[in-house]
Amino acid sequence: MTDNKKAIFLIITSVLCGTLMLTFLKLAQEEVNVYVAGFFRFLFGLLIIFPYMLKSKFTVFKTNHHKKHFLRAFLNLPSMLLYFSALVMMPIEKATAISFVVPFIVTILAVLFLGEKIYIYRSFALILGFIGMLIILRPGIIDISMGVYMALASSFMWSIVIIITKSIAKDDSSITILSFGYTYMTIFSFIIVLFHWQTPSLQTLIYLFFGGLSGTLLHLCINHAYKLVDVSMTQPYSFLSLVFASLIGYFVFSETPDLFTWIGASVIFIGVFIMSYREMKLDKEIIRKRLDIKS
C-alpha cells in the first residue's frame, strides 16, 4: 500500500474515532463538567498506552523537540476545554461543522510555516468543502452564540497544534508524540480539575474510558498520517466528520439533520472523492516513473 493510500485510510479512521470520542464525552458531560471530562479523557488515554511506554523502558520520551511537545500540549488544553464546552451548548453536528474552519487555517499555516505547496486539486477540494460548510451553516441564520465563539477559538488553537505536530512528526514517532501529549495533558488537566471536581458515576466512567480509547486511536492515526504525506493533503478528509456526526447525532441524541446538512455533505463528498482519485493517480504515476528509471 502506498503512502497516500495509507494516509487516506488513517485520516478517515481518525475522523471516525474523533466523532466517537465527541459522542462519548457529550454523553459524559450530561453528569460531569468539562474539566472532569477532559481530565479522565486523557488519564484513560495515558493508561491505555502506558504498557507500551513501560515495555519500551520509556525510550518513547527520547526527542529533540521537548519545547515543541510542551507547547503543543499547552495549546491543546484550552483547545480541548473550549470545544468540549461548545459541544454541550449545541448539537454535535453543528459543532462539527463549525470546526471545518480548521482545514483552511491549517492549509494556510502549512504554506506559511512548513513551506508546503497547494496543488490545484487540493485547493479545489478545500473550496468545495468550504462551500459545503456554508450550505450547512447558512451564515446569518445560525446565532453567534458563546458556543460558536468557543468552537471557533478552539479550531484556531487546534490548527496551530496540527502544524506543531507535523513539524515534530518528521523526527518523532506517533507513539512518542502521543506519550508526551498525554503525559502533559494529564498533568495540566489534573491541576485544573482539583478546583472543579465532580465524582462521576460508573456509567459516566465507562463513557469517559471509551472517549479516551477512541481519542487515543484518533491521535495515533493522525500523527502517523502526518509522517506519510503533506498536512495540507490530509485536511479535506476531515469534512467526513460531518457525515459521521450527523448519523450519530440522529441515532444517539435524536438530533435530526436538515436537508441543507445533507446537501452540504454531498458537496463535501464530491471534493473528497476528487481529491482521493487524484492522489491515487499521482501515486501510480510516481511508481511508474520509478519503475521506468530502474528498468
C-alpha atoms as a PDB file:
ATOM      1  CA  MET A   1       0.000   0.000   0.000  1.00  0.00           C
ATOM      2  CA  THR A   2       1.399   3.413  -0.989  1.00  0.00           C
ATOM      3  CA  ASP A   3       1.917   6.279   1.469  1.00  0.00           C
ATOM      4  CA  ASN A   4      -1.039   8.230   0.073  1.00  0.00           C
ATOM      5  CA  LYS A   5      -3.400   5.268   0.429  1.00  0.00           C
ATOM      6  CA  LYS A   6      -2.177   4.593   3.962  1.00  0.00           C
ATOM      7  CA  ALA A   7      -2.596   8.256   4.869  1.00  0.00           C
ATOM      8  CA  ILE A   8      -6.127   8.393   3.459  1.00  0.00           C
ATOM      9  CA  PHE A   9      -7.108   5.274   5.415  1.00  0.00           C
ATOM     10  CA  LEU A  10      -5.546   6.650   8.603  1.00  0.00           C
ATOM     11  CA  ILE A  11      -7.206  10.053   8.259  1.00  0.00           C
ATOM     12  CA  ILE A  12     -10.669   8.590   7.642  1.00  0.00           C
ATOM     13  CA  THR A  13     -10.187   6.251  10.623  1.00  0.00           C
ATOM     14  CA  SER A  14      -9.076   9.175  12.777  1.00  0.00           C
ATOM     15  CA  VAL A  15     -12.146  11.181  11.738  1.00  0.00           C
ATOM     16  CA  LEU A  16     -14.454   8.328  12.765  1.00  0.00           C
ATOM     17  CA  CYS A  17     -12.625   7.889  16.078  1.00  0.00           C
ATOM     18  CA  GLY A  18     -12.802  11.627  16.694  1.00  0.00           C
ATOM     19  CA  THR A  19     -16.561  11.623  16.224  1.00  0.00           C
ATOM     20  CA  LEU A  20     -16.922   8.655  18.579  1.00  0.00           C
ATOM     21  CA  MET A  21     -14.788  10.476  21.151  1.00  0.00           C
ATOM     22  CA  LEU A  22     -17.042  13.534  20.989  1.00  0.00           C
ATOM     23  CA  THR A  23     -20.108  11.312  21.329  1.00  0.00           C
ATOM     24  CA  PHE A  24     -18.872   9.626  24.496  1.00  0.00           C
ATOM     25  CA  LEU A  25     -17.737  12.926  26.000  1.00  0.00           C
ATOM     26  CA  LYS A  26     -21.045  14.610  25.204  1.00  0.00           C
ATOM     27  CA  LEU A  27     -22.804  11.748  26.995  1.00  0.00           C
ATOM     28  CA  ALA A  28     -20.417  12.034  29.954  1.00  0.00           C
ATOM     29  CA  GLN A  29     -20.978  15.783  30.271  1.00  0.00           C
ATOM     30  CA  GLU A  30     -24.635  15.175  30.979  1.00  0.00           C
ATOM     31  CA  GLU A  31     -23.393  14.389  34.504  1.00  0.00           C
ATOM     32  CA  VAL A  32     -19.936  15.951  34.984  1.00  0.00           C
ATOM     33  CA  ASN A  33     -18.367  19.266  33.976  1.00  0.00           C
ATOM     34  CA  VAL A  34     -15.891  19.803  31.149  1.00  0.00           C
ATOM     35  CA  TYR A  35     -12.853  19.787  33.469  1.00  0.00           C
ATOM     36  CA  VAL A  36     -13.641  16.328  34.840  1.00  0.00           C
ATOM     37  CA  ALA A  37     -14.420  15.024  31.353  1.00  0.00           C
ATOM     38  CA  GLY A  38     -11.167  16.423  29.982  1.00  0.00           C
ATOM     39  CA  PHE A  39      -9.075  15.010  32.823  1.00  0.00           C
ATOM     40  CA  PHE A  40     -10.438  11.462  32.579  1.00  0.00           C
ATOM     41  CA  ARG A  41     -10.284  11.524  28.783  1.00  0.00           C
ATOM     42  CA  PHE A  42      -6.503  11.969  28.935  1.00  0.00           C
ATOM     43  CA  LEU A  43      -5.941   9.919  32.080  1.00  0.00           C
ATOM     44  CA  PHE A  44      -7.573   6.877  30.466  1.00  0.00           C
ATOM     45  CA  GLY A  45      -5.677   7.569  27.259  1.00  0.00           C
ATOM     46  CA  LEU A  46      -2.412   7.627  29.200  1.00  0.00           C
ATOM     47  CA  LEU A  47      -3.288   4.371  30.976  1.00  0.00           C
ATOM     48  CA  ILE A  48      -4.054   2.720  27.608  1.00  0.00           C
ATOM     49  CA  ILE A  49      -0.603   3.480  26.161  1.00  0.00           C
ATOM     50  CA  PHE A  50       1.293   3.091  29.467  1.00  0.00           C
ATOM     51  CA  PRO A  51       2.036  -0.649  28.949  1.00  0.00           C
ATOM     52  CA  TYR A  52       3.804   0.239  25.703  1.00  0.00           C
ATOM     53  CA  MET A  53       5.718   3.023  27.423  1.00  0.00           C
ATOM     54  CA  LEU A  54       6.756   0.548  30.125  1.00  0.00           C
ATOM     55  CA  LYS A  55       7.749  -2.104  27.568  1.00  0.00           C
ATOM     56  CA  SER A  56       9.961   0.405  25.759  1.00  0.00           C
ATOM     57  CA  LYS A  57      11.573   1.306  29.105  1.00  0.00           C
ATOM     58  CA  PHE A  58      10.350   4.852  28.479  1.00  0.00           C
ATOM     59  CA  THR A  59      12.603   5.286  25.437  1.00  0.00           C
ATOM     60  CA  VAL A  60       9.500   6.774  23.762  1.00  0.00           C
ATOM     61  CA  PHE A  61      10.380  10.005  25.560  1.00  0.00           C
ATOM     62  CA  LYS A  62      13.636  10.402  23.621  1.00  0.00           C
ATOM     63  CA  THR A  63      13.271  13.511  21.484  1.00  0.00           C
ATOM     64  CA  ASN A  64      14.987  16.673  20.346  1.00  0.00           C
ATOM     65  CA  HIS A  65      11.714  18.621  20.479  1.00  0.00           C
ATOM     66  CA  HIS A  66      10.959  18.961  24.197  1.00  0.00           C
ATOM     67  CA  LYS A  67       9.861  22.600  23.882  1.00  0.00           C
ATOM     68  CA  LYS A  68       7.564  21.828  20.949  1.00  0.00           C
ATOM     69  CA  HIS A  69       5.941  18.931  22.814  1.00  0.00           C
ATOM     70  CA  PHE A  70       5.312  21.202  25.796  1.00  0.00           C
ATOM     71  CA  LEU A  71       3.924  23.999  23.605  1.00  0.00           C
ATOM     72  CA  ARG A  72       1.728  21.515  21.726  1.00  0.00           C
ATOM     73  CA  ALA A  73       0.128  20.318  24.977  1.00  0.00           C
ATOM     74  CA  PHE A  74      -0.093  23.846  26.379  1.00  0.00           C
ATOM     75  CA  LEU A  75      -2.200  24.934  23.369  1.00  0.00           C
ATOM     76  CA  ASN A  76      -4.110  21.672  23.146  1.00  0.00           C
ATOM     77  CA  LEU A  77      -5.522  22.033  26.673  1.00  0.00           C
ATOM     78  CA  PRO A  78      -7.569  25.226  26.105  1.00  0.00           C
ATOM     79  CA  SER A  79      -8.493  23.978  22.637  1.00  0.00           C
ATOM     80  CA  MET A  80      -9.917  20.824  24.196  1.00  0.00           C
ATOM     81  CA  LEU A  81     -11.765  22.584  27.019  1.00  0.00           C
ATOM     82  CA  LEU A  82     -13.294  25.171  24.686  1.00  0.00           C
ATOM     83  CA  TYR A  83     -14.509  22.558  22.212  1.00  0.00           C
ATOM     84  CA  PHE A  84     -15.883  20.214  24.867  1.00  0.00           C
ATOM     85  CA  SER A  85     -17.758  23.168  26.380  1.00  0.00           C
ATOM     86  CA  ALA A  86     -19.160  24.156  22.979  1.00  0.00           C
ATOM     87  CA  LEU A  87     -20.269  20.561  22.490  1.00  0.00           C
ATOM     88  CA  VAL A  88     -22.665  20.913  25.431  1.00  0.00           C
ATOM     89  CA  MET A  89     -24.175  24.121  24.025  1.00  0.00           C
ATOM     90  CA  MET A  90     -25.039  22.880  20.524  1.00  0.00           C
ATOM     91  CA  PRO A  91     -25.821  19.727  18.536  1.00  0.00           C
ATOM     92  CA  ILE A  92     -22.773  17.576  17.754  1.00  0.00           C
ATOM     93  CA  GLU A  93     -23.471  18.059  14.046  1.00  0.00           C
ATOM     94  CA  LYS A  94     -23.249  21.867  14.288  1.00  0.00           C
ATOM     95  CA  ALA A  95     -20.159  21.815  16.495  1.00  0.00           C
ATOM     96  CA  THR A  96     -18.507  19.541  13.958  1.00  0.00           C
ATOM     97  CA  ALA A  97     -19.496  21.797  11.058  1.00  0.00           C
ATOM     98  CA  ILE A  98     -18.026  24.878  12.738  1.00  0.00           C
ATOM     99  CA  SER A  99     -14.738  23.045  13.268  1.00  0.00           C
ATOM    100  CA  PHE A 100     -14.457  22.804   9.474  1.00  0.00           C
ATOM    101  CA  VAL A 101     -12.592  26.106   9.526  1.00  0.00           C
ATOM    102  CA  VAL A 102      -9.593  24.049  10.690  1.00  0.00           C
ATOM    103  CA  PRO A 103      -8.565  22.730   7.230  1.00  0.00           C
ATOM    104  CA  PHE A 104      -8.441  26.250   5.829  1.00  0.00           C
ATOM    105  CA  ILE A 105      -6.396  27.618   8.728  1.00  0.00           C
ATOM    106  CA  VAL A 106      -4.079  24.580   8.655  1.00  0.00           C
ATOM    107  CA  THR A 107      -3.568  24.801   4.901  1.00  0.00           C
ATOM    108  CA  ILE A 108      -2.619  28.474   5.142  1.00  0.00           C
ATOM    109  CA  LEU A 109      -0.301  27.847   8.106  1.00  0.00           C
ATOM    110  CA  ALA A 110       1.297  24.874   6.319  1.00  0.00           C
ATOM    111  CA  VAL A 111       2.171  27.107   3.376  1.00  0.00           C
ATOM    112  CA  LEU A 112       3.500  29.902   5.605  1.00  0.00           C
ATOM    113  CA  PHE A 113       5.476  27.857   8.133  1.00  0.00           C
ATOM    114  CA  LEU A 114       6.108  24.415   6.593  1.00  0.00           C
ATOM    115  CA  GLY A 115       6.721  25.513   3.026  1.00  0.00           C
ATOM    116  CA  GLU A 116       4.149  23.096   1.604  1.00  0.00           C
ATOM    117  CA  LYS A 117       2.710  23.533  -1.873  1.00  0.00           C
ATOM    118  CA  ILE A 118      -1.009  23.825  -2.543  1.00  0.00           C
ATOM    119  CA  TYR A 119      -1.851  21.892  -5.677  1.00  0.00           C
ATOM    120  CA  ILE A 120      -4.894  22.816  -7.754  1.00  0.00           C
ATOM    121  CA  TYR A 121      -6.889  19.684  -6.926  1.00  0.00           C
ATOM    122  CA  ARG A 122      -6.252  20.103  -3.193  1.00  0.00           C
ATOM    123  CA  SER A 123      -7.353  23.716  -3.390  1.00  0.00           C
ATOM    124  CA  PHE A 124     -10.463  22.693  -5.313  1.00  0.00           C
ATOM    125  CA  ALA A 125     -11.319  20.080  -2.678  1.00  0.00           C
ATOM    126  CA  LEU A 126     -10.924  22.683   0.058  1.00  0.00           C
ATOM    127  CA  ILE A 127     -13.123  25.154  -1.836  1.00  0.00           C
ATOM    128  CA  LEU A 128     -15.847  22.524  -2.243  1.00  0.00           C
ATOM    129  CA  GLY A 129     -15.549  21.722   1.448  1.00  0.00           C
ATOM    130  CA  PHE A 130     -15.929  25.388   2.313  1.00  0.00           C
ATOM    131  CA  ILE A 131     -19.000  25.702   0.054  1.00  0.00           C
ATOM    132  CA  GLY A 132     -20.470  22.625   1.701  1.00  0.00           C
ATOM    133  CA  MET A 133     -19.858  24.149   5.119  1.00  0.00           C
ATOM    134  CA  LEU A 134     -21.594  27.392   4.097  1.00  0.00           C
ATOM    135  CA  ILE A 135     -24.600  25.404   2.875  1.00  0.00           C
ATOM    136  CA  ILE A 136     -24.790  23.646   6.229  1.00  0.00           C
ATOM    137  CA  LEU A 137     -24.237  26.668   8.463  1.00  0.00           C
ATOM    138  CA  ARG A 138     -26.108  29.209   6.313  1.00  0.00           C
ATOM    139  CA  PRO A 139     -24.421  32.341   7.767  1.00  0.00           C
ATOM    140  CA  GLY A 140     -26.933  34.804   9.136  1.00  0.00           C
ATOM    141  CA  ILE A 141     -29.346  32.093  10.214  1.00  0.00           C
ATOM    142  CA  ILE A 142     -27.280  30.496  12.974  1.00  0.00           C
ATOM    143  CA  ASP A 143     -26.973  32.768  16.004  1.00  0.00           C
ATOM    144  CA  ILE A 144     -23.431  33.723  17.024  1.00  0.00           C
ATOM    145  CA  SER A 145     -23.715  32.292  20.500  1.00  0.00           C
ATOM    146  CA  MET A 146     -20.993  31.777  23.086  1.00  0.00           C
ATOM    147  CA  GLY A 147     -20.770  28.149  21.964  1.00  0.00           C
ATOM    148  CA  VAL A 148     -19.958  29.269  18.417  1.00  0.00           C
ATOM    149  CA  TYR A 149     -17.201  31.575  19.638  1.00  0.00           C
ATOM    150  CA  MET A 150     -15.786  28.757  21.768  1.00  0.00           C
ATOM    151  CA  ALA A 151     -15.791  26.350  18.831  1.00  0.00           C
ATOM    152  CA  LEU A 152     -14.063  28.904  16.581  1.00  0.00           C
ATOM    153  CA  ALA A 153     -11.390  29.719  19.179  1.00  0.00           C
ATOM    154  CA  SER A 154     -10.820  26.012  19.735  1.00  0.00           C
ATOM    155  CA  SER A 155     -10.469  25.457  15.989  1.00  0.00           C
ATOM    156  CA  PHE A 156      -7.799  28.143  15.674  1.00  0.00           C
ATOM    157  CA  MET A 157      -5.744  26.686  18.532  1.00  0.00           C
ATOM    158  CA  TRP A 158      -6.148  23.153  17.174  1.00  0.00           C
ATOM    159  CA  SER A 159      -4.864  24.329  13.790  1.00  0.00           C
ATOM    160  CA  ILE A 160      -1.660  25.527  15.429  1.00  0.00           C
ATOM    161  CA  VAL A 161      -1.402  22.197  17.276  1.00  0.00           C
ATOM    162  CA  ILE A 162      -1.637  20.363  13.948  1.00  0.00           C
ATOM    163  CA  ILE A 163       1.196  22.431  12.469  1.00  0.00           C
ATOM    164  CA  ILE A 164       3.386  21.776  15.523  1.00  0.00           C
ATOM    165  CA  THR A 165       2.542  18.070  15.289  1.00  0.00           C
ATOM    166  CA  LYS A 166       3.585  17.970  11.640  1.00  0.00           C
ATOM    167  CA  SER A 167       6.935  19.618  12.406  1.00  0.00           C
ATOM    168  CA  ILE A 168       7.585  17.147  15.242  1.00  0.00           C
ATOM    169  CA  ALA A 169       6.435  14.130  13.202  1.00  0.00           C
ATOM    170  CA  LYS A 170       9.436  14.489  10.882  1.00  0.00           C
ATOM    171  CA  ASP A 171      11.668  13.143  13.646  1.00  0.00           C
ATOM    172  CA  ASP A 172       9.465  11.617  16.350  1.00  0.00           C
ATOM    173  CA  SER A 173       7.230   8.556  16.111  1.00  0.00           C
ATOM    174  CA  SER A 174       3.470   8.650  16.599  1.00  0.00           C
ATOM    175  CA  ILE A 175       3.743   6.952  19.984  1.00  0.00           C
ATOM    176  CA  THR A 176       6.377   9.478  21.132  1.00  0.00           C
ATOM    177  CA  ILE A 177       4.137  12.397  20.207  1.00  0.00           C
ATOM    178  CA  LEU A 178       1.215  10.687  21.924  1.00  0.00           C
ATOM    179  CA  SER A 179       3.211   9.876  25.071  1.00  0.00           C
ATOM    180  CA  PHE A 180       4.377  13.446  25.546  1.00  0.00           C
ATOM    181  CA  GLY A 181       0.953  14.851  24.741  1.00  0.00           C
ATOM    182  CA  TYR A 182      -0.962  12.578  27.096  1.00  0.00           C
ATOM    183  CA  THR A 183       1.531  12.973  29.934  1.00  0.00           C
ATOM    184  CA  TYR A 184       1.486  16.768  29.777  1.00  0.00           C
ATOM    185  CA  MET A 185      -2.275  16.945  29.231  1.00  0.00           C
ATOM    186  CA  THR A 186      -2.989  14.643  32.172  1.00  0.00           C
ATOM    187  CA  ILE A 187      -0.813  16.780  34.448  1.00  0.00           C
ATOM    188  CA  PHE A 188      -2.254  20.086  33.208  1.00  0.00           C
ATOM    189  CA  SER A 189      -5.872  18.918  33.408  1.00  0.00           C
ATOM    190  CA  PHE A 190      -5.315  17.360  36.863  1.00  0.00           C
ATOM    191  CA  ILE A 191      -4.188  20.702  38.269  1.00  0.00           C
ATOM    192  CA  ILE A 192      -7.326  22.381  36.906  1.00  0.00           C
ATOM    193  CA  VAL A 193      -9.789  19.639  37.891  1.00  0.00           C
ATOM    194  CA  LEU A 194      -8.702  19.893  41.545  1.00  0.00           C
ATOM    195  CA  PHE A 195     -10.676  23.145  41.696  1.00  0.00           C
ATOM    196  CA  HIS A 196     -13.734  21.820  39.811  1.00  0.00           C
ATOM    197  CA  TRP A 197     -14.048  18.200  40.962  1.00  0.00           C
ATOM    198  CA  GLN A 198     -17.252  16.191  40.464  1.00  0.00           C
ATOM    199  CA  THR A 199     -17.370  12.451  41.135  1.00  0.00           C
ATOM    200  CA  PRO A 200     -18.628  10.573  38.041  1.00  0.00           C
ATOM    201  CA  SER A 201     -20.879   7.513  38.223  1.00  0.00           C
ATOM    202  CA  LEU A 202     -19.795   4.122  36.875  1.00  0.00           C
ATOM    203  CA  GLN A 203     -21.745   4.652  33.657  1.00  0.00           C
ATOM    204  CA  THR A 204     -20.105   8.026  33.093  1.00  0.00           C
ATOM    205  CA  LEU A 205     -16.680   6.497  33.773  1.00  0.00           C
ATOM    206  CA  ILE A 206     -17.408   3.942  31.051  1.00  0.00           C
ATOM    207  CA  TYR A 207     -18.281   6.766  28.654  1.00  0.00           C
ATOM    208  CA  LEU A 208     -15.058   8.549  29.598  1.00  0.00           C
ATOM    209  CA  PHE A 209     -12.997   5.378  29.125  1.00  0.00           C
ATOM    210  CA  PHE A 210     -14.302   4.835  25.611  1.00  0.00           C
ATOM    211  CA  GLY A 211     -13.816   8.530  24.956  1.00  0.00           C
ATOM    212  CA  GLY A 212     -10.171   8.115  25.966  1.00  0.00           C
ATOM    213  CA  LEU A 213      -9.806   4.963  23.849  1.00  0.00           C
ATOM    214  CA  SER A 214     -11.283   6.482  20.697  1.00  0.00           C
ATOM    215  CA  GLY A 215      -9.291   9.681  21.272  1.00  0.00           C
ATOM    216  CA  THR A 216      -6.088   7.640  21.577  1.00  0.00           C
ATOM    217  CA  LEU A 217      -6.780   5.861  18.289  1.00  0.00           C
ATOM    218  CA  LEU A 218      -7.555   9.257  16.753  1.00  0.00           C
ATOM    219  CA  HIS A 219      -4.161  10.685  17.675  1.00  0.00           C
ATOM    220  CA  LEU A 220      -2.215   7.548  16.728  1.00  0.00           C
ATOM    221  CA  CYS A 221      -3.774   7.529  13.270  1.00  0.00           C
ATOM    222  CA  ILE A 222      -3.468  11.234  12.598  1.00  0.00           C
ATOM    223  CA  ASN A 223       0.110  11.525  13.914  1.00  0.00           C
ATOM    224  CA  HIS A 224       1.245   8.665  11.671  1.00  0.00           C
ATOM    225  CA  ALA A 225      -0.591  10.118   8.676  1.00  0.00           C
ATOM    226  CA  TYR A 226       1.365  13.363   9.088  1.00  0.00           C
ATOM    227  CA  LYS A 227       4.583  11.359   8.749  1.00  0.00           C
ATOM    228  CA  LEU A 228       3.468   9.962   5.382  1.00  0.00           C
ATOM    229  CA  VAL A 229       2.082  12.956   3.486  1.00  0.00           C
ATOM    230  CA  ASP A 230       1.769  16.745   3.490  1.00  0.00           C
ATOM    231  CA  VAL A 231      -0.572  18.037   6.163  1.00  0.00           C
ATOM    232  CA  SER A 232      -2.487  20.068   3.544  1.00  0.00           C
ATOM    233  CA  MET A 233      -3.321  16.850   1.695  1.00  0.00           C
ATOM    234  CA  THR A 234      -4.990  15.327   4.754  1.00  0.00           C
ATOM    235  CA  GLN A 235      -7.266  18.228   5.656  1.00  0.00           C
ATOM    236  CA  PRO A 236     -10.177  17.836   3.180  1.00  0.00           C
ATOM    237  CA  TYR A 237     -10.878  14.375   4.607  1.00  0.00           C
ATOM    238  CA  SER A 238     -11.791  15.965   7.917  1.00  0.00           C
ATOM    239  CA  PHE A 239     -15.037  17.072   6.264  1.00  0.00           C
ATOM    240  CA  LEU A 240     -16.224  13.448   6.511  1.00  0.00           C
ATOM    241  CA  SER A 241     -16.686  14.022  10.229  1.00  0.00           C
ATOM    242  CA  LEU A 242     -19.925  15.836   9.422  1.00  0.00           C
ATOM    243  CA  VAL A 243     -21.434  12.682   7.964  1.00  0.00           C
ATOM    244  CA  PHE A 244     -20.393  10.631  10.990  1.00  0.00           C
ATOM    245  CA  ALA A 245     -21.576  13.344  13.397  1.00  0.00           C
ATOM    246  CA  SER A 246     -24.954  13.631  11.651  1.00  0.00           C
ATOM    247  CA  LEU A 247     -25.540   9.886  11.843  1.00  0.00           C
ATOM    248  CA  ILE A 248     -24.525   9.634  15.491  1.00  0.00           C
ATOM    249  CA  GLY A 249     -26.447  12.787  16.369  1.00  0.00           C
ATOM    250  CA  TYR A 250     -29.570  11.273  14.844  1.00  0.00           C
ATOM    251  CA  PHE A 251     -29.322   7.800  16.384  1.00  0.00           C
ATOM    252  CA  VAL A 252     -27.831   8.704  19.782  1.00  0.00           C
ATOM    253  CA  PHE A 253     -29.065  12.224  20.578  1.00  0.00           C
ATOM    254  CA  SER A 254     -32.212  12.334  18.393  1.00  0.00           C
ATOM    255  CA  GLU A 255     -30.774  15.349  16.542  1.00  0.00           C
ATOM    256  CA  THR A 256     -32.378  15.377  13.103  1.00  0.00           C
ATOM    257  CA  PRO A 257     -30.143  16.844  10.359  1.00  0.00           C
ATOM    258  CA  ASP A 258     -31.993  19.125   7.972  1.00  0.00           C
ATOM    259  CA  LEU A 259     -31.949  18.980   4.168  1.00  0.00           C
ATOM    260  CA  PHE A 260     -29.226  21.624   3.920  1.00  0.00           C
ATOM    261  CA  THR A 261     -26.904  19.486   6.046  1.00  0.00           C
ATOM    262  CA  TRP A 262     -27.152  16.591   3.617  1.00  0.00           C
ATOM    263  CA  ILE A 263     -26.799  18.850   0.561  1.00  0.00           C
ATOM    264  CA  GLY A 264     -23.674  20.348   2.093  1.00  0.00           C
ATOM    265  CA  ALA A 265     -22.357  16.900   2.988  1.00  0.00           C
ATOM    266  CA  SER A 266     -22.862  15.785  -0.625  1.00  0.00           C
ATOM    267  CA  VAL A 267     -20.784  18.726  -1.882  1.00  0.00           C
ATOM    268  CA  ILE A 268     -18.091  17.827   0.646  1.00  0.00           C
ATOM    269  CA  PHE A 269     -18.121  14.201  -0.519  1.00  0.00           C
ATOM    270  CA  ILE A 270     -17.561  15.317  -4.106  1.00  0.00           C
ATOM    271  CA  GLY A 271     -14.489  17.286  -3.066  1.00  0.00           C
ATOM    272  CA  VAL A 272     -13.094  14.350  -1.078  1.00  0.00           C
ATOM    273  CA  PHE A 273     -13.756  11.944  -3.975  1.00  0.00           C
ATOM    274  CA  ILE A 274     -11.993  14.189  -6.497  1.00  0.00           C
ATOM    275  CA  MET A 275      -9.014  14.559  -4.209  1.00  0.00           C
ATOM    276  CA  SER A 276      -8.820  10.824  -3.481  1.00  0.00           C
ATOM    277  CA  TYR A 277      -8.920   9.987  -7.189  1.00  0.00           C
ATOM    278  CA  ARG A 278      -6.180  12.491  -7.993  1.00  0.00           C
ATOM    279  CA  GLU A 279      -3.933  11.343  -5.127  1.00  0.00           C
ATOM    280  CA  MET A 280      -4.267   7.695  -6.210  1.00  0.00           C
ATOM    281  CA  LYS A 281      -3.495   8.620  -9.818  1.00  0.00           C
ATOM    282  CA  LEU A 282      -0.489  10.671  -8.707  1.00  0.00           C
ATOM    283  CA  ASP A 283       0.788   7.698  -6.708  1.00  0.00           C
ATOM    284  CA  LYS A 284       0.561   5.438  -9.762  1.00  0.00           C
ATOM    285  CA  GLU A 285       2.406   7.985 -11.920  1.00  0.00           C
ATOM    286  CA  ILE A 286       5.230   8.249  -9.377  1.00  0.00           C
ATOM    287  CA  ILE A 287       5.546   4.461  -9.098  1.00  0.00           C
ATOM    288  CA  ARG A 288       5.511   4.082 -12.892  1.00  0.00           C
ATOM    289  CA  LYS A 289       8.296   6.646 -13.274  1.00  0.00           C
ATOM    290  CA  ARG A 290      10.387   4.849 -10.651  1.00  0.00           C
ATOM    291  CA  LEU A 291       9.929   1.544 -12.472  1.00  0.00           C
ATOM    292  CA  ASP A 292      10.886   3.142 -15.773  1.00  0.00           C
ATOM    293  CA  ILE A 293      14.070   4.556 -14.236  1.00  0.00           C
ATOM    294  CA  LYS A 294      15.025   1.203 -12.713  1.00  0.00           C
ATOM    295  CA  SER A 295      14.391  -0.646 -15.973  1.00  0.00           C
END
